Amino acid sequence: MSGRVCVSILLQRASSCARPLPPSQYTHLEASPSSQPRSTHNRYFSSRGAFRADQLGSRLEDSLGNGSLSGRRLSTRQDLDFHLNQVQINSILRLNEQAVSVPEFDGRGLSTVRKFESNQLAANTPNEDRRSAATCLQSKGMLFGVFDGHGGWACAQAVSERLLYYAAVAMMPKQSLEELERCVEHGRPVPPILQWYKHHSDFNYRESASLYIDHLRVFWQELLDSEDHGEGMSLPDALDHAFKRLDGDISLEAQVPLSNDLMKSTAIQVAFAGCTASVAHIGTEGIHVANTGDCRVVLGVQEEDGSWSALPLSQDHNSQNKAEVDRIKALHPSSEKDTVITDDRLLGVLMPLRAFGDVRFKWSHELQQSVLAGLESRVDLDSLNLYQYTPPNYLTPPYLDVAPDITYHKLRPKDRFLILGTDGLWDELSSEEAVRLVGEHLSGIHLQAPVSPSERQLKLGQMHELLLKRRARASPAPDTNAATHLIRRALGTGEYGELCHERLASMLALPEDLARMYRDDITATVVYLNSNLARPQHD
C-alpha cells in the first residue's frame, strides 16, 4: 500500500472525529531533595509551523504526496504508522507529567499554593521547552517558570537552571546575603536558597555549574556592596533585575576566556540560541509575573454563578502586540520603520520580540565576528549548530532585549488556579478555553447555558450538532493531571469539542521529521491556589 493511500485512510478516519546528566551541581545552594518524584520549534525564518490539528490532513498529504520528506518517498504502511492504541497514547502523553502537593504550613506561614501539576510534550528532538518550580527558602513564596527555546534548547536549559536563583538572591535581605558570603569564604555549608521540585527527566549543565555559581556569587556580592539593598529588592525590582542580570551574564560568558573547550562551547551555544520566559512568584498576598516573549500566564477565576473566566497576567511580545511593535520601531531611526519588523518577525527573522540570548540581534556585527573567529581554532562551529547568518538590515543594533513586563495581581477568594504555558499550548487553545478546561476538570461540573430561543428554532440536523457539542463538554476527563488534560484537549479536540482518538493518534504518531511541521513543543503548569488565604476584604 502506498504512503499516500495509507495517509488517505488516516484522513478519512480522522475526519470522523539530550541525554540526561547527573543531578544539579548546585547542591550546596539547594535544599535536600524533595520527597516528590524528580520527574525544531524553528522561530527563525520559517513560519510558526504549529498548525492546528484540523489542518493536518491537507498539509500532510501535500508533504507525503510529493515525496519531499527527507528526500525520500514514503512507500509502505511501516513508513508512517498512525495506529496508536489508547494505552500507547496515554503512555506518550503522561511520560513527563508531574504532580506535587505543597505542605499547607512550611514553618514560616501558610502556603498560598496547594499543589501544582505540570507536563511537557515534545515536537522537536530534543525538546526545546523547559520548566522550573521552587520554594524560596530565604524569603517567602514560590517561583514557577516556563521557558520556550529556539535555535536549539541550550538557552532555555541555562535559563531554567539559573533564573530562579537570580530572582531569589535579589529578594534576600542583606543579612542573609552576608551569611552566604561568609559560608563560601570559610568553606562552610551554604544555607540553601531554593527547594527545587524536579522531574526525573530534568538535567543540568554539569560542566558549567562552577561558572554559574561564580557569577551568582558576583551578583550577590554586588548587592552587598549596594548601600540601599537593606531588606532586599521589592518583587517587581527583583524579577526585573534577575532577567536583565542573567542575560548580561549569558552575553559575558560567551565573550570571555573559559577554562575548557566544553564550557566555552556551551556558553557560545547558550548565547547564540534564545528563549522566551514567563516566571510567576506566588506569595501570601498576590502574584507577580515577569514575562519576556510569547509564553503566557493566565489566572483561572470562578465567578459567583460557578462559571469560569480567564484573566491574562502577561502580554505576548510578538507582532500581534501593536504597542510592542511601536516600542521597537521607536528605538531605531525612521529610515528603518519598514525593515525593523517584516513578515511579522524581527528583521524578518525572529518571531518573539523579546528574549534571552539571541546575541545575533544584540551584539554588533564586529563583536559577533570576533567571538566566532576566536573559536575556530579550538571548537568546530558546525558542531555548535549555530545559525551562520547576519540578519538583513542589521544597521543599528541592538534590536532585541530581555526586559520583562512585570504585572501584579492581588489575590481574591475567587482566584482558583494559574496556568503557565509555552506558546505551543496557546497555538492550540485560547486563554478562555484553557481556563474552562482546567476549571471544569477541577470542579467536575460542566456548566451548560440554557437553550436560547434562537436555538429552539434550529432544524433537526442543527439541533443534533448542538447536542453533540453539549455532550462533548460533559464527557469525563481521562487524566487526573490537569496539565496532561490541557495537552490532550489541545491536540485531540474534534469538530464538536469531543475527544477524537484518531486525531490525537495522528498528532502523536508523526515521525520526528514531520512532527514539528504540525505542532510545537508544549509545556503547561497548573498551580492551584489556596483561596482561603484571600479574605473577602482583598476582593
Protein backbone atom coordinates (compact mmCIF):
# COMPACT_ATOMS: atom_id res chain seq x y z
CA MET A 1 0.00 0.00 0.00
CA SER A 2 1.46 3.39 -0.93
CA GLY A 3 2.19 6.01 1.66
CA ARG A 4 -0.40 8.29 0.03
CA VAL A 5 -3.11 5.68 0.28
CA CYS A 6 -2.17 4.99 3.89
CA VAL A 7 -2.49 8.71 4.66
CA SER A 8 -5.85 8.88 2.88
CA ILE A 9 -7.18 6.14 5.16
CA LEU A 10 -5.88 8.10 8.15
CA LEU A 11 -7.61 11.27 6.96
CA GLN A 12 -10.90 9.50 6.44
CA ARG A 13 -10.75 8.16 9.98
CA ALA A 14 -9.67 11.49 11.47
CA SER A 15 -12.49 13.30 9.69
CA SER A 16 -14.94 11.12 11.56
CA CYS A 17 -13.96 12.78 14.80
CA ALA A 18 19.79 15.18 25.28
CA ARG A 19 20.89 12.83 27.22
CA PRO A 20 20.13 13.28 30.98
CA LEU A 21 23.01 14.45 33.15
CA PRO A 22 23.56 13.79 36.85
CA PRO A 23 21.65 15.82 39.45
CA SER A 24 22.28 19.54 39.81
CA GLN A 25 25.73 20.66 40.81
CA TYR A 26 24.05 23.44 42.78
CA THR A 27 23.67 21.01 45.67
CA HIS A 28 25.21 23.39 48.18
CA LEU A 29 22.66 26.04 47.20
CA GLU A 30 19.64 23.70 47.19
CA ALA A 31 17.65 22.19 49.98
CA SER A 32 17.83 18.45 50.45
CA PRO A 33 15.97 16.56 47.72
CA SER A 34 12.21 16.73 47.91
CA SER A 35 10.25 13.61 48.67
CA GLN A 36 8.35 14.32 45.46
CA PRO A 37 9.48 12.42 42.34
CA ARG A 38 12.03 14.19 40.19
CA SER A 39 10.40 13.58 37.33
CA THR A 40 12.75 22.33 15.53
CA HIS A 41 10.02 24.98 17.01
CA ASN A 42 12.08 26.96 14.45
CA ARG A 43 11.38 30.53 15.45
CA TYR A 44 13.98 31.67 12.93
CA PHE A 45 12.99 32.18 9.30
CA SER A 46 10.17 29.66 8.97
CA SER A 47 6.52 30.28 9.68
CA ARG A 48 5.22 29.43 13.10
CA GLY A 49 4.72 25.91 11.87
CA ALA A 50 2.43 24.61 14.57
CA PHE A 51 -0.75 24.13 12.57
CA ARG A 52 -3.93 23.25 14.40
CA ALA A 53 -4.79 19.59 14.36
CA ASP A 54 -7.63 20.09 11.88
CA GLN A 55 -5.11 21.33 9.30
CA LEU A 56 -3.15 18.11 9.45
CA GLY A 57 -4.88 16.48 6.51
CA SER A 58 -4.09 18.75 3.59
CA ARG A 59 -0.61 19.67 4.87
CA LEU A 60 0.37 16.08 5.49
CA GLU A 61 -0.97 14.85 2.18
CA ASP A 62 0.93 17.62 0.38
CA SER A 63 4.15 16.68 2.19
CA LEU A 64 3.83 12.98 1.54
CA GLY A 65 2.30 13.13 -1.90
CA ASN A 66 5.28 14.85 -3.45
CA GLY A 67 7.79 12.60 -1.70
CA SER A 68 9.54 15.58 -0.12
CA LEU A 69 10.10 14.07 3.29
CA SER A 70 13.85 13.93 3.87
CA GLY A 71 14.41 13.40 0.17
CA ARG A 72 12.60 10.05 0.00
CA ARG A 73 9.13 8.85 -0.90
CA LEU A 74 7.15 7.09 1.77
CA SER A 75 6.01 3.85 0.15
CA THR A 76 4.84 1.43 2.82
CA ARG A 77 2.48 1.42 5.78
CA GLN A 78 5.51 0.84 8.01
CA ASP A 79 6.92 4.20 6.94
CA LEU A 80 4.03 6.07 8.54
CA ASP A 81 2.04 4.19 11.16
CA PHE A 82 -0.58 6.31 12.90
CA HIS A 83 -2.36 3.42 14.58
CA LEU A 84 -1.67 4.14 18.24
CA ASN A 85 -3.98 2.49 20.71
CA GLN A 86 -5.26 4.17 23.87
CA VAL A 87 -2.55 2.66 26.06
CA GLN A 88 0.17 3.99 23.73
CA ILE A 89 -1.45 7.44 23.60
CA ASN A 90 -1.65 7.63 27.38
CA SER A 91 1.94 6.47 27.72
CA ILE A 92 3.18 9.23 25.40
CA LEU A 93 1.05 11.95 26.99
CA ARG A 94 1.90 11.03 30.58
CA LEU A 95 5.62 10.42 30.18
CA ASN A 96 6.68 13.81 31.55
CA GLU A 97 3.81 14.65 33.85
CA GLN A 98 4.47 15.84 37.38
CA ALA A 99 2.19 16.39 40.38
CA VAL A 100 3.41 17.96 43.62
CA SER A 101 1.39 18.63 46.77
CA VAL A 102 2.72 21.55 48.79
CA PRO A 103 2.61 21.43 52.62
CA GLU A 104 -0.06 23.77 53.91
CA PHE A 105 2.33 25.09 56.57
CA ASP A 106 6.08 25.19 55.95
CA GLY A 107 7.27 26.55 59.30
CA ARG A 108 7.15 30.16 58.14
CA GLY A 109 3.44 30.53 57.40
CA LEU A 110 0.58 29.18 55.34
CA SER A 111 1.32 28.39 51.72
CA THR A 112 -0.68 30.12 49.00
CA VAL A 113 -0.06 27.14 46.71
CA ARG A 114 -1.92 23.89 47.47
CA LYS A 115 -0.38 21.83 44.70
CA PHE A 116 0.77 22.08 41.11
CA GLU A 117 0.61 19.80 38.10
CA SER A 118 2.87 20.05 35.07
CA ASN A 119 3.59 18.25 31.81
CA GLN A 120 5.57 18.55 28.58
CA LEU A 121 5.13 17.08 25.13
CA ALA A 122 7.97 17.45 22.64
CA ALA A 123 7.70 18.10 18.93
CA ASN A 124 11.36 18.98 18.43
CA THR A 125 14.04 16.35 19.04
CA PRO A 126 15.23 17.09 21.65
CA ASN A 127 12.52 19.16 23.31
CA GLU A 128 13.35 22.88 23.33
CA ASP A 129 10.97 23.74 26.20
CA ARG A 130 11.97 23.78 29.84
CA ARG A 131 10.11 24.32 33.15
CA SER A 132 11.09 25.14 36.73
CA ALA A 133 9.41 25.22 40.13
CA ALA A 134 10.90 26.01 43.54
CA THR A 135 10.12 27.33 47.01
CA CYS A 136 12.10 30.36 48.19
CA LEU A 137 13.77 29.33 51.45
CA GLN A 138 15.49 32.63 52.35
CA SER A 139 12.37 34.66 51.61
CA LYS A 140 8.71 33.78 51.16
CA GLY A 141 6.67 32.41 48.29
CA MET A 142 7.12 30.03 45.38
CA LEU A 143 8.56 30.58 41.91
CA PHE A 144 7.32 28.90 38.74
CA GLY A 145 8.73 29.30 35.24
CA VAL A 146 8.22 28.08 31.69
CA PHE A 147 10.88 28.62 29.04
CA ASP A 148 10.49 28.25 25.27
CA GLY A 149 13.79 27.79 23.44
CA HIS A 150 14.52 28.50 19.80
CA GLY A 151 17.61 27.86 17.73
CA GLY A 152 18.09 24.79 19.94
CA TRP A 153 17.49 24.02 23.60
CA ALA A 154 20.74 25.42 25.03
CA CYS A 155 19.48 28.83 26.13
CA ALA A 156 16.24 27.53 27.62
CA GLN A 157 18.23 24.94 29.56
CA ALA A 158 20.58 27.52 31.08
CA VAL A 159 17.83 29.98 31.91
CA SER A 160 15.67 27.29 33.54
CA GLU A 161 18.60 26.37 35.82
CA ARG A 162 19.66 29.88 36.74
CA LEU A 163 16.87 32.46 36.59
CA LEU A 164 15.03 31.43 39.76
CA TYR A 165 18.31 31.67 41.70
CA TYR A 166 18.88 35.23 40.48
CA ALA A 167 15.35 36.24 41.46
CA ALA A 168 15.62 34.58 44.89
CA VAL A 169 19.00 36.20 45.63
CA ALA A 170 17.70 39.64 44.63
CA MET A 171 14.84 39.26 47.14
CA MET A 172 17.11 38.19 50.02
CA PRO A 173 17.92 40.74 52.74
CA LYS A 174 21.49 41.89 53.17
CA GLN A 175 21.86 39.91 56.39
CA SER A 176 21.12 36.64 54.57
CA LEU A 177 23.47 37.53 51.71
CA GLU A 178 26.24 38.22 54.24
CA GLU A 179 25.73 34.74 55.69
CA LEU A 180 26.00 33.22 52.19
CA GLU A 181 29.25 35.06 51.59
CA ARG A 182 30.76 34.09 54.96
CA CYS A 183 29.97 30.43 54.33
CA VAL A 184 31.61 30.48 50.90
CA GLU A 185 34.68 32.33 52.20
CA HIS A 186 35.22 29.87 55.05
CA GLY A 187 34.28 26.71 53.18
CA ARG A 188 31.22 26.02 55.32
CA PRO A 189 27.93 24.58 54.04
CA VAL A 190 25.89 27.28 52.37
CA PRO A 191 22.30 27.80 53.55
CA PRO A 192 20.00 26.54 50.76
CA ILE A 193 18.36 29.24 48.68
CA LEU A 194 15.70 27.20 46.89
CA GLN A 195 13.82 23.97 47.39
CA TRP A 196 13.52 22.62 43.84
CA TYR A 197 10.77 20.35 42.55
CA LYS A 198 12.28 18.41 39.68
CA HIS A 199 11.08 15.74 37.31
CA HIS A 200 13.36 12.73 36.82
CA SER A 201 13.98 13.81 33.20
CA ASP A 202 15.35 17.22 34.22
CA PHE A 203 19.08 17.69 33.88
CA ASN A 204 21.68 20.39 34.41
CA TYR A 205 24.79 21.68 32.68
CA ARG A 206 27.22 19.71 34.83
CA GLU A 207 30.37 21.14 33.28
CA SER A 208 29.20 24.76 33.66
CA ALA A 209 27.99 24.54 37.26
CA SER A 210 31.09 26.17 38.77
CA LEU A 211 30.86 29.07 36.29
CA TYR A 212 27.19 29.59 37.09
CA ILE A 213 27.85 29.57 40.83
CA ASP A 214 30.76 32.03 40.46
CA HIS A 215 28.58 34.51 38.55
CA LEU A 216 25.70 34.12 41.00
CA ARG A 217 28.19 34.93 43.79
CA VAL A 218 29.41 38.03 41.94
CA PHE A 219 25.76 39.09 41.73
CA TRP A 220 25.15 38.80 45.47
CA GLN A 221 28.50 40.48 46.22
CA GLU A 222 27.38 43.49 44.18
CA LEU A 223 24.09 43.55 46.09
CA LEU A 224 26.07 43.51 49.35
CA ASP A 225 28.09 46.50 48.13
CA SER A 226 24.89 48.42 47.45
CA GLU A 227 24.03 50.80 50.28
CA ASP A 228 20.29 50.64 49.66
CA HIS A 229 19.80 46.87 49.38
CA GLY A 230 18.77 46.56 53.01
CA GLU A 231 15.85 44.16 53.31
CA GLY A 232 16.16 43.05 49.71
CA MET A 233 14.61 44.24 46.49
CA SER A 234 10.89 44.53 46.05
CA LEU A 235 9.43 41.70 44.00
CA PRO A 236 8.98 43.75 40.80
CA ASP A 237 12.55 45.04 41.04
CA ALA A 238 13.93 41.60 41.90
CA LEU A 239 12.30 39.95 38.89
CA ASP A 240 13.29 42.75 36.53
CA HIS A 241 16.88 42.76 37.79
CA ALA A 242 17.13 38.96 37.64
CA PHE A 243 16.08 38.81 33.97
CA LYS A 244 18.45 41.57 32.91
CA ARG A 245 21.40 40.42 35.00
CA LEU A 246 21.20 36.80 33.83
CA ASP A 247 21.00 37.87 30.19
CA GLY A 248 24.04 40.08 30.75
CA ASP A 249 25.94 37.16 32.27
CA ILE A 250 24.98 34.92 29.33
CA SER A 251 26.40 37.53 26.96
CA LEU A 252 29.57 37.97 29.02
CA GLU A 253 30.26 34.25 29.35
CA ALA A 254 30.30 33.87 25.57
CA GLN A 255 32.94 36.60 25.25
CA VAL A 256 35.48 35.83 27.98
CA PRO A 257 38.10 33.04 28.10
CA LEU A 258 36.87 29.94 29.93
CA SER A 259 38.73 27.04 31.49
CA ASN A 260 37.95 24.37 28.89
CA ASP A 261 36.56 23.93 25.39
CA LEU A 262 33.37 22.22 26.53
CA MET A 263 32.47 25.05 28.88
CA LYS A 264 33.27 27.57 26.14
CA SER A 265 31.19 25.80 23.50
CA THR A 266 28.27 25.59 25.94
CA ALA A 267 28.49 29.32 26.65
CA ILE A 268 28.51 30.07 22.91
CA GLN A 269 25.52 27.80 22.26
CA VAL A 270 23.55 29.40 25.08
CA ALA A 271 24.24 32.94 23.85
CA PHE A 272 23.54 32.33 20.17
CA ALA A 273 20.38 30.33 20.82
CA GLY A 274 17.49 32.07 22.54
CA CYS A 275 14.49 31.56 24.75
CA THR A 276 11.38 33.32 25.95
CA ALA A 277 10.33 33.08 29.59
CA SER A 278 7.42 33.59 31.95
CA VAL A 279 8.06 33.46 35.70
CA ALA A 280 5.42 33.77 38.41
CA HIS A 281 6.12 34.46 42.09
CA ILE A 282 3.17 33.45 44.27
CA GLY A 283 3.13 34.93 47.75
CA THR A 284 0.56 35.21 50.51
CA GLU A 285 -0.85 38.49 49.22
CA GLY A 286 -0.65 38.16 45.48
CA ILE A 287 1.02 37.05 42.28
CA HIS A 288 3.86 38.80 40.45
CA VAL A 289 4.50 37.76 36.86
CA ALA A 290 7.55 38.62 34.76
CA ASN A 291 7.28 37.88 31.06
CA THR A 292 9.59 38.29 28.11
CA GLY A 293 8.47 36.85 24.77
CA ASP A 294 5.40 34.80 23.95
CA CYS A 295 4.95 32.35 26.79
CA ARG A 296 1.80 33.21 28.71
CA VAL A 297 0.41 33.22 32.26
CA VAL A 298 -3.37 33.15 32.80
CA LEU A 299 -5.37 33.21 36.03
CA GLY A 300 -8.44 30.99 36.34
CA VAL A 301 -11.29 32.80 38.11
CA GLN A 302 -14.52 31.19 39.31
CA GLU A 303 -17.42 33.60 39.23
CA GLU A 304 -20.32 33.61 41.70
CA ASP A 305 -22.53 31.63 39.32
CA GLY A 306 -19.87 28.88 39.09
CA SER A 307 -18.72 29.83 35.60
CA TRP A 308 -15.05 30.31 34.73
CA SER A 309 -13.28 33.34 33.31
CA ALA A 310 -9.68 33.94 32.27
CA LEU A 311 -7.58 36.87 33.48
CA PRO A 312 -4.32 37.20 31.50
CA LEU A 313 -1.37 38.20 33.67
CA SER A 314 1.06 38.61 30.78
CA GLN A 315 1.11 40.05 27.28
CA ASP A 316 2.64 38.26 24.32
CA HIS A 317 5.64 40.07 22.87
CA ASN A 318 5.13 39.43 19.18
CA SER A 319 3.97 41.27 16.09
CA GLN A 320 0.32 40.92 17.10
CA ASN A 321 1.05 43.28 20.01
CA LYS A 322 0.86 46.74 18.45
CA ALA A 323 2.32 48.51 21.48
CA GLU A 324 5.33 46.19 21.36
CA VAL A 325 5.85 46.81 17.64
CA ASP A 326 5.63 50.58 18.19
CA ARG A 327 8.12 50.34 21.08
CA ILE A 328 10.72 48.59 18.96
CA LYS A 329 10.28 50.90 15.98
CA ALA A 330 10.73 53.93 18.25
CA LEU A 331 14.20 52.64 19.24
CA HIS A 332 15.53 52.88 15.66
CA PRO A 333 15.78 55.60 13.00
CA SER A 334 12.66 56.37 11.00
CA SER A 335 14.52 55.16 7.92
CA GLU A 336 14.19 51.62 9.33
CA LYS A 337 10.46 51.73 10.10
CA ASP A 338 9.68 49.36 7.23
CA THR A 339 12.50 46.90 7.91
CA VAL A 340 12.67 46.51 11.71
CA ILE A 341 9.66 44.19 11.59
CA THR A 342 8.76 42.48 8.34
CA ASP A 343 6.66 39.39 7.69
CA ASP A 344 5.59 39.59 11.37
CA ARG A 345 9.18 38.93 12.51
CA LEU A 346 12.01 40.97 13.92
CA LEU A 347 14.17 41.87 10.89
CA GLY A 348 12.09 39.32 9.01
CA VAL A 349 13.70 36.51 11.04
CA LEU A 350 12.69 36.17 14.70
CA MET A 351 9.11 35.74 15.90
CA PRO A 352 9.32 36.72 19.61
CA LEU A 353 10.21 40.38 20.06
CA ARG A 354 11.93 39.93 23.45
CA ALA A 355 14.15 37.05 24.51
CA PHE A 356 17.16 35.79 26.44
CA GLY A 357 20.28 35.07 24.40
CA ASP A 358 19.88 35.65 20.65
CA VAL A 359 23.06 37.73 20.54
CA ARG A 360 22.72 37.79 16.74
CA PHE A 361 20.17 40.52 17.39
CA LYS A 362 22.05 42.26 20.23
CA TRP A 363 25.78 42.36 19.55
CA SER A 364 27.46 44.48 16.93
CA HIS A 365 28.45 42.65 13.77
CA GLU A 366 32.11 43.18 14.68
CA LEU A 367 31.71 41.60 18.13
CA GLN A 368 29.95 38.57 16.66
CA GLN A 369 32.74 38.04 14.13
CA SER A 370 35.42 38.48 16.78
CA VAL A 371 33.88 35.93 19.18
CA LEU A 372 33.29 33.30 16.49
CA ALA A 373 36.74 33.84 14.96
CA GLY A 374 38.30 33.22 18.37
CA LEU A 375 36.62 29.83 18.48
CA GLU A 376 37.58 28.47 15.10
CA SER A 377 40.94 27.07 16.12
CA ARG A 378 39.53 25.20 19.15
CA VAL A 379 35.89 24.39 18.54
CA ASP A 380 34.10 23.07 15.47
CA LEU A 381 31.43 25.68 14.73
CA ASP A 382 29.33 23.17 12.82
CA SER A 383 29.08 21.06 15.95
CA LEU A 384 27.59 24.03 17.80
CA ASN A 385 24.57 24.11 15.47
CA LEU A 386 24.84 27.88 15.10
CA TYR A 387 22.90 29.79 12.52
CA GLN A 388 25.64 31.25 10.32
CA TYR A 389 23.87 34.36 9.11
CA THR A 390 23.60 38.08 9.67
CA PRO A 391 20.01 39.32 9.90
CA PRO A 392 19.03 41.54 6.97
CA ASN A 393 19.06 45.32 7.51
CA TYR A 394 21.19 44.91 10.64
CA LEU A 395 22.07 48.61 10.88
CA THR A 396 21.54 49.90 14.44
CA PRO A 397 21.80 47.06 16.97
CA PRO A 398 20.65 46.04 19.46
CA TYR A 399 17.24 45.12 18.04
CA LEU A 400 16.29 42.76 20.86
CA ASP A 401 16.29 42.96 24.65
CA VAL A 402 15.20 40.81 27.57
CA ALA A 403 13.48 43.45 29.74
CA PRO A 404 10.38 41.75 31.17
CA ASP A 405 6.94 43.21 31.61
CA ILE A 406 6.01 42.89 35.30
CA THR A 407 2.41 42.57 36.44
CA TYR A 408 0.91 42.22 39.92
CA HIS A 409 -2.41 40.72 40.90
CA LYS A 410 -3.77 40.84 44.45
CA LEU A 411 -5.33 37.52 45.34
CA ARG A 412 -9.11 37.23 45.76
CA PRO A 413 -11.24 34.33 47.03
CA LYS A 414 -12.48 33.61 43.51
CA ASP A 415 -8.94 33.18 42.10
CA ARG A 416 -8.55 29.42 41.85
CA PHE A 417 -5.53 28.48 39.72
CA LEU A 418 -2.75 29.77 37.50
CA ILE A 419 -1.79 28.35 34.09
CA LEU A 420 1.74 28.91 32.76
CA GLY A 421 2.26 27.71 29.20
CA THR A 422 4.72 27.97 26.35
CA ASP A 423 3.30 29.17 23.07
CA GLY A 424 2.84 25.62 21.79
CA LEU A 425 -0.14 25.41 24.15
CA TRP A 426 -1.56 28.79 23.15
CA ASP A 427 -1.21 27.95 19.43
CA GLU A 428 -3.95 25.37 20.02
CA LEU A 429 -6.05 26.82 22.85
CA SER A 430 -7.24 30.31 23.72
CA SER A 431 -6.77 31.54 27.28
CA GLU A 432 -10.53 31.21 27.84
CA GLU A 433 -10.61 27.63 26.53
CA ALA A 434 -7.68 26.62 28.73
CA VAL A 435 -9.25 28.09 31.87
CA ARG A 436 -12.61 26.46 31.14
CA LEU A 437 -10.95 23.07 30.60
CA VAL A 438 -9.00 23.26 33.87
CA GLY A 439 -11.92 24.74 35.78
CA GLU A 440 -14.32 22.01 34.72
CA HIS A 441 -11.61 19.42 35.34
CA LEU A 442 -11.15 20.82 38.86
CA SER A 443 -14.81 21.10 39.80
CA GLY A 444 -16.17 18.16 37.83
CA ILE A 445 -19.05 20.43 36.87
CA HIS A 446 -19.65 21.26 33.22
CA LEU A 447 -21.98 24.22 33.10
CA GLN A 448 -24.24 24.35 30.07
CA ALA A 449 -26.01 27.52 29.08
CA PRO A 450 -29.79 27.13 28.68
CA VAL A 451 -31.00 26.55 25.16
CA SER A 452 -31.68 30.02 23.79
CA PRO A 453 -34.88 30.99 21.92
CA SER A 454 -32.94 31.13 18.65
CA GLU A 455 -31.52 27.65 19.26
CA ARG A 456 -35.05 26.31 19.77
CA GLN A 457 -35.74 27.26 16.16
CA LEU A 458 -32.90 25.15 14.81
CA LYS A 459 -33.57 22.47 12.25
CA LEU A 460 -33.22 18.86 13.27
CA GLY A 461 -29.66 18.49 11.89
CA GLN A 462 -28.54 21.70 13.57
CA MET A 463 -30.09 20.64 16.87
CA HIS A 464 -28.26 17.32 16.62
CA GLU A 465 -24.98 19.19 16.15
CA LEU A 466 -25.75 21.37 19.18
CA LEU A 467 -26.46 18.31 21.30
CA LEU A 468 -23.18 16.71 20.21
CA LYS A 469 -21.27 19.80 21.29
CA ARG A 470 -23.01 19.93 24.66
CA ARG A 471 -22.43 16.22 25.23
CA ALA A 472 -18.73 16.63 24.37
CA ARG A 473 -18.30 19.25 27.10
CA ALA A 474 -19.73 16.87 29.70
CA SER A 475 -17.53 13.91 28.74
CA PRO A 476 -15.43 12.61 31.65
CA ALA A 477 -11.73 13.52 31.57
CA PRO A 478 -9.35 10.54 31.28
CA ASP A 479 -6.47 12.35 33.06
CA THR A 480 -6.11 13.24 36.72
CA ASN A 481 -3.30 15.67 35.86
CA ALA A 482 -4.75 18.98 34.61
CA ALA A 483 -1.67 19.81 32.51
CA THR A 484 -2.00 16.47 30.70
CA HIS A 485 -5.70 17.21 30.26
CA LEU A 486 -4.83 20.51 28.56
CA ILE A 487 -2.33 18.90 26.20
CA ARG A 488 -4.71 16.07 25.30
CA ARG A 489 -7.51 18.53 24.50
CA ALA A 490 -5.18 20.91 22.66
CA LEU A 491 -4.20 18.21 20.17
CA GLY A 492 -7.19 15.89 20.17
CA THR A 493 -10.34 18.00 20.12
CA GLY A 494 -12.69 17.17 17.29
CA GLU A 495 -15.26 19.17 15.36
CA TYR A 496 -17.87 19.20 18.13
CA GLY A 497 -15.45 19.64 21.02
CA GLU A 498 -15.24 15.91 21.61
CA LEU A 499 -12.03 13.98 22.15
CA CYS A 500 -11.16 12.36 18.82
CA HIS A 501 -8.92 9.31 19.22
CA GLU A 502 -7.91 9.30 15.55
CA ARG A 503 -6.98 12.95 15.53
CA LEU A 504 -4.92 12.64 18.71
CA ALA A 505 -3.23 9.46 17.49
CA SER A 506 -2.23 11.10 14.23
CA MET A 507 -0.68 14.10 16.01
CA LEU A 508 1.28 11.90 18.42
CA ALA A 509 2.46 9.37 15.84
CA LEU A 510 4.02 11.84 13.42
CA PRO A 511 7.68 10.95 12.79
CA GLU A 512 10.37 13.29 14.08
CA ASP A 513 10.97 14.99 10.75
CA LEU A 514 7.26 15.80 10.34
CA ALA A 515 6.08 16.48 13.89
CA ARG A 516 7.48 20.00 14.05
CA MET A 517 5.56 20.96 10.93
CA TYR A 518 2.22 20.43 12.66
CA ARG A 519 2.71 21.23 16.32
CA ASP A 520 5.18 22.88 18.67
CA ASP A 521 6.75 21.68 21.89
CA ILE A 522 4.11 22.15 24.60
CA THR A 523 4.73 22.85 28.28
CA ALA A 524 1.92 23.53 30.75
CA THR A 525 1.99 24.05 34.51
CA VAL A 526 -1.23 24.45 36.51
CA VAL A 527 -0.84 25.91 40.01
CA TYR A 528 -3.77 25.50 42.41
CA LEU A 529 -4.21 28.38 44.85
CA ASN A 530 -5.26 28.32 48.49
CA SER A 531 -8.09 30.79 48.04
CA ASN A 532 -8.91 30.70 51.75
CA LEU A 533 -5.90 32.93 52.36
CA ALA A 534 -7.53 35.68 50.34
CA ARG A 535 -10.05 37.19 52.74
CA PRO A 536 -13.11 38.95 51.32
CA GLN A 537 -11.66 42.41 52.02
CA HIS A 538 -8.94 41.62 49.47
CA ASP A 539 -11.57 41.27 46.75
